[in-house]
Amino acid sequence: MAVDPERVFKPINIAVLTVSDTRTAENDTSGDILAERVKSAGHRLSARVIVRDDVAALVDKISNWVDDPKVDAIVTTGGTGLTGRDLTPEAFDRVKASYQGRDIPGFGELFRMISYRSIGTSTVQSRACAIVANGTYLFALPGSNGAVKDGWDGILAEQLDSRNRPCNFVELMPRLRET
């Protein structure tokens, strides 16, 4: 990370969403890791919830946050695999269509490159992705602890730091709703 000491750190509001039919507040370790990293980085954890693997429920929760001016970014964990219950990318697609949002294809590509170093070719089973909708960033990470660490430590920690050079997501936030 190329942190420019001349720049001021600007904390943002980040919501964490765990997508799972089985996790609870007591055993949501990937959500715990994300929440801790958000706070340790100096950002504000604006919300944290667990939602079952159901597209309508996911779209509803995500849309509520996208409409909330107090949420700048949403990071999800879980639901990015290949099985019939892995529905996070489909929920992102619906939110993107609703808000005429945009894909951030480099996020998933870079995530899989980083993940390859940890788990080899198994990374091809990940549908990690990202979009921007209504001026809000949405990042979908797999549900494993390792994947959450790879995604946050390898991408989000830098891109959500306003001091990162040569550029970062935070500096684009005031312009995300331009037409």
Protein backbone atom coordinates (compact mmCIF):
# COMPACT_ATOMS: atom_id res chain seq x y z
CA MET A 1 0.00 0.00 0.00
CA ALA A 2 1.30 3.40 -0.88
CA VAL A 3 -0.05 5.57 1.93
CA ASP A 4 0.53 9.25 1.35
CA PRO A 5 1.27 10.81 4.75
CA GLU A 6 0.20 14.20 3.36
CA ARG A 7 -3.36 12.95 2.90
CA VAL A 8 -5.93 12.83 5.69
CA PHE A 9 -7.60 9.52 6.56
CA LYS A 10 -11.36 9.76 5.98
CA PRO A 11 -13.35 7.10 7.82
CA ILE A 12 -16.39 5.79 5.98
CA ASN A 13 -19.52 3.96 7.15
CA ILE A 14 -19.41 0.25 6.33
CA ALA A 15 -22.21 -2.30 6.79
CA VAL A 16 -21.34 -5.99 7.10
CA LEU A 17 -23.78 -8.61 5.86
CA THR A 18 -23.29 -12.33 6.42
CA VAL A 19 -25.24 -14.48 3.96
CA SER A 20 -26.02 -17.86 5.51
CA ASP A 21 -28.79 -20.30 6.37
CA THR A 22 -26.77 -21.71 9.26
CA ARG A 23 -24.68 -19.00 10.90
CA THR A 24 -25.75 -17.18 14.01
CA ALA A 25 -24.31 -14.24 15.95
CA GLU A 26 -22.48 -16.81 18.09
CA ASN A 27 -20.70 -18.63 15.25
CA ASP A 28 -20.35 -16.02 12.50
CA THR A 29 -16.56 -15.98 12.49
CA SER A 30 -16.18 -14.47 9.03
CA GLY A 31 -18.54 -11.64 9.99
CA ASP A 32 -16.53 -11.18 13.20
CA ILE A 33 -13.31 -10.89 11.20
CA LEU A 34 -14.81 -8.34 8.82
CA ALA A 35 -16.34 -6.23 11.59
CA GLU A 36 -13.05 -6.21 13.50
CA ARG A 37 -11.04 -5.23 10.42
CA VAL A 38 -13.48 -2.43 9.56
CA LYS A 39 -13.12 -0.96 13.05
CA SER A 40 -9.35 -1.57 13.28
CA ALA A 41 -8.86 0.31 10.01
CA GLY A 42 -10.56 3.34 11.58
CA HIS A 43 -13.88 3.08 9.74
CA ARG A 44 -17.33 3.05 11.33
CA LEU A 45 -19.29 -0.22 11.44
CA SER A 46 -22.71 1.21 10.55
CA ALA A 47 -24.58 -2.10 10.75
CA ARG A 48 -24.07 -5.83 10.91
CA VAL A 49 -26.65 -8.52 10.18
CA ILE A 50 -27.07 -12.11 9.06
CA VAL A 51 -29.53 -12.80 6.24
CA ARG A 52 -30.50 -16.24 4.94
CA ASP A 53 -29.63 -17.36 1.41
CA ASP A 54 -32.73 -15.89 -0.21
CA VAL A 55 -32.51 -13.43 -3.11
CA ALA A 56 -35.58 -11.39 -2.10
CA ALA A 57 -34.39 -11.05 1.51
CA LEU A 58 -30.90 -10.09 0.37
CA VAL A 59 -32.16 -7.53 -2.14
CA ASP A 60 -34.43 -6.02 0.51
CA LYS A 61 -31.65 -5.65 3.11
CA ILE A 62 -29.06 -4.43 0.60
CA SER A 63 -31.50 -1.95 -0.97
CA ASN A 64 -32.34 -0.52 2.45
CA TRP A 65 -28.65 0.13 3.06
CA VAL A 66 -28.08 1.49 -0.47
CA ASP A 67 -30.89 3.99 0.22
CA ASP A 68 -29.41 4.96 3.59
CA PRO A 69 -27.06 7.96 3.31
CA LYS A 70 -25.33 6.72 6.46
CA VAL A 71 -23.96 3.65 4.59
CA ASP A 72 -21.05 4.25 2.21
CA ALA A 73 -20.08 0.64 1.57
CA ILE A 74 -21.49 -2.84 2.13
CA VAL A 75 -19.26 -5.89 2.49
CA THR A 76 -20.92 -9.29 2.34
CA THR A 77 -19.50 -12.65 3.29
CA GLY A 78 -21.01 -15.86 1.97
CA GLY A 79 -23.25 -16.94 -0.87
CA THR A 80 -20.67 -16.55 -3.63
CA GLY A 81 -20.11 -20.22 -4.46
CA LEU A 82 -21.60 -22.43 -7.15
CA THR A 83 -24.35 -24.28 -5.30
CA GLY A 84 -28.05 -23.64 -5.67
CA ARG A 85 -28.18 -21.75 -2.36
CA ASP A 86 -25.30 -19.40 -3.24
CA LEU A 87 -27.26 -16.33 -4.34
CA THR A 88 -25.29 -13.22 -3.41
CA PRO A 89 -24.17 -12.36 -6.99
CA GLU A 90 -27.78 -12.73 -8.17
CA ALA A 91 -28.93 -10.35 -5.43
CA PHE A 92 -26.21 -7.89 -6.47
CA ASP A 93 -27.40 -8.14 -10.08
CA ARG A 94 -30.94 -7.21 -9.05
CA VAL A 95 -29.75 -4.30 -6.95
CA LYS A 96 -27.50 -3.13 -9.78
CA ALA A 97 -30.44 -3.24 -12.23
CA SER A 98 -32.73 -1.41 -9.80
CA TYR A 99 -30.33 1.47 -9.34
CA GLN A 100 -28.73 1.42 -12.78
CA GLY A 101 -25.49 0.58 -11.03
CA ARG A 102 -22.17 -0.55 -12.39
CA ASP A 103 -19.97 -3.59 -12.06
CA ILE A 104 -16.47 -3.29 -10.63
CA PRO A 105 -15.03 -6.30 -12.52
CA GLY A 106 -11.46 -5.79 -11.32
CA PHE A 107 -12.50 -6.58 -7.76
CA GLY A 108 -13.45 -10.19 -8.48
CA GLU A 109 -10.50 -10.67 -10.79
CA LEU A 110 -8.03 -9.37 -8.21
CA PHE A 111 -9.71 -11.32 -5.41
CA ARG A 112 -9.28 -14.59 -7.32
CA MET A 113 -5.63 -13.77 -8.06
CA ILE A 114 -4.95 -13.14 -4.36
CA SER A 115 -7.00 -16.18 -3.34
CA TYR A 116 -5.07 -18.38 -5.77
CA ARG A 117 -1.98 -17.84 -3.63
CA SER A 118 -3.85 -19.28 -0.61
CA ILE A 119 -6.03 -22.03 -2.06
CA GLY A 120 -4.76 -22.68 -5.56
CA THR A 121 -7.17 -23.52 -8.35
CA SER A 122 -10.07 -23.89 -5.91
CA THR A 123 -10.46 -20.13 -6.28
CA VAL A 124 -12.28 -20.70 -9.59
CA GLN A 125 -15.29 -21.73 -7.50
CA SER A 126 -15.62 -18.19 -6.14
CA ARG A 127 -18.00 -15.67 -7.66
CA ALA A 128 -16.65 -12.79 -5.57
CA CYS A 129 -17.83 -9.57 -7.17
CA ALA A 130 -18.44 -5.88 -6.60
CA ILE A 131 -20.77 -3.17 -7.84
CA VAL A 132 -21.59 0.45 -7.14
CA ALA A 133 -25.28 1.35 -6.78
CA ASN A 134 -26.76 4.74 -5.86
CA GLY A 135 -23.34 5.96 -4.73
CA THR A 136 -22.77 2.95 -2.45
CA TYR A 137 -20.03 0.36 -2.91
CA LEU A 138 -21.01 -3.32 -2.57
CA PHE A 139 -18.38 -6.04 -2.22
CA ALA A 140 -19.24 -9.76 -2.11
CA LEU A 141 -16.66 -12.04 -0.49
CA PRO A 142 -16.87 -15.80 0.04
CA GLY A 143 -17.86 -17.01 3.49
CA SER A 144 -14.61 -18.59 4.64
CA ASN A 145 -12.39 -16.83 7.16
CA GLY A 146 -9.44 -17.06 4.77
CA ALA A 147 -11.40 -15.50 1.91
CA VAL A 148 -12.54 -12.62 4.12
CA LYS A 149 -8.95 -11.98 5.20
CA ASP A 150 -7.73 -12.15 1.58
CA GLY A 151 -10.44 -9.74 0.40
CA TRP A 152 -10.06 -7.22 3.19
CA ASP A 153 -6.29 -7.34 3.66
CA GLY A 154 -5.44 -7.67 -0.02
CA ILE A 155 -7.92 -5.21 -1.56
CA LEU A 156 -10.37 -3.38 0.67
CA ALA A 157 -7.96 -2.15 3.34
CA GLU A 158 -6.08 -0.23 0.65
CA GLN A 159 -8.94 0.84 -1.60
CA LEU A 160 -11.08 2.08 1.31
CA ASP A 161 -8.19 4.13 2.70
CA SER A 162 -8.39 7.72 1.45
CA ARG A 163 -4.62 8.04 1.75
CA ASN A 164 -3.88 5.23 -0.71
CA ARG A 165 -2.00 6.31 -3.84
CA PRO A 166 -2.24 6.53 -6.75
CA CYS A 167 -6.01 6.27 -6.26
CA ASN A 168 -8.68 4.74 -4.05
CA PHE A 169 -12.44 4.18 -3.84
CA VAL A 170 -12.96 6.84 -1.15
CA GLU A 171 -11.79 9.73 -3.31
CA LEU A 172 -14.37 8.73 -5.95
CA MET A 173 -17.32 8.74 -3.54
CA PRO A 174 -18.35 12.39 -4.10
CA ARG A 175 -18.61 11.69 -7.86
CA LEU A 176 -20.38 8.30 -7.86
CA ARG A 177 -23.81 9.78 -8.54
CA GLU A 178 -22.74 11.97 -11.44
CA THR A 179 -24.69 11.67 -14.69
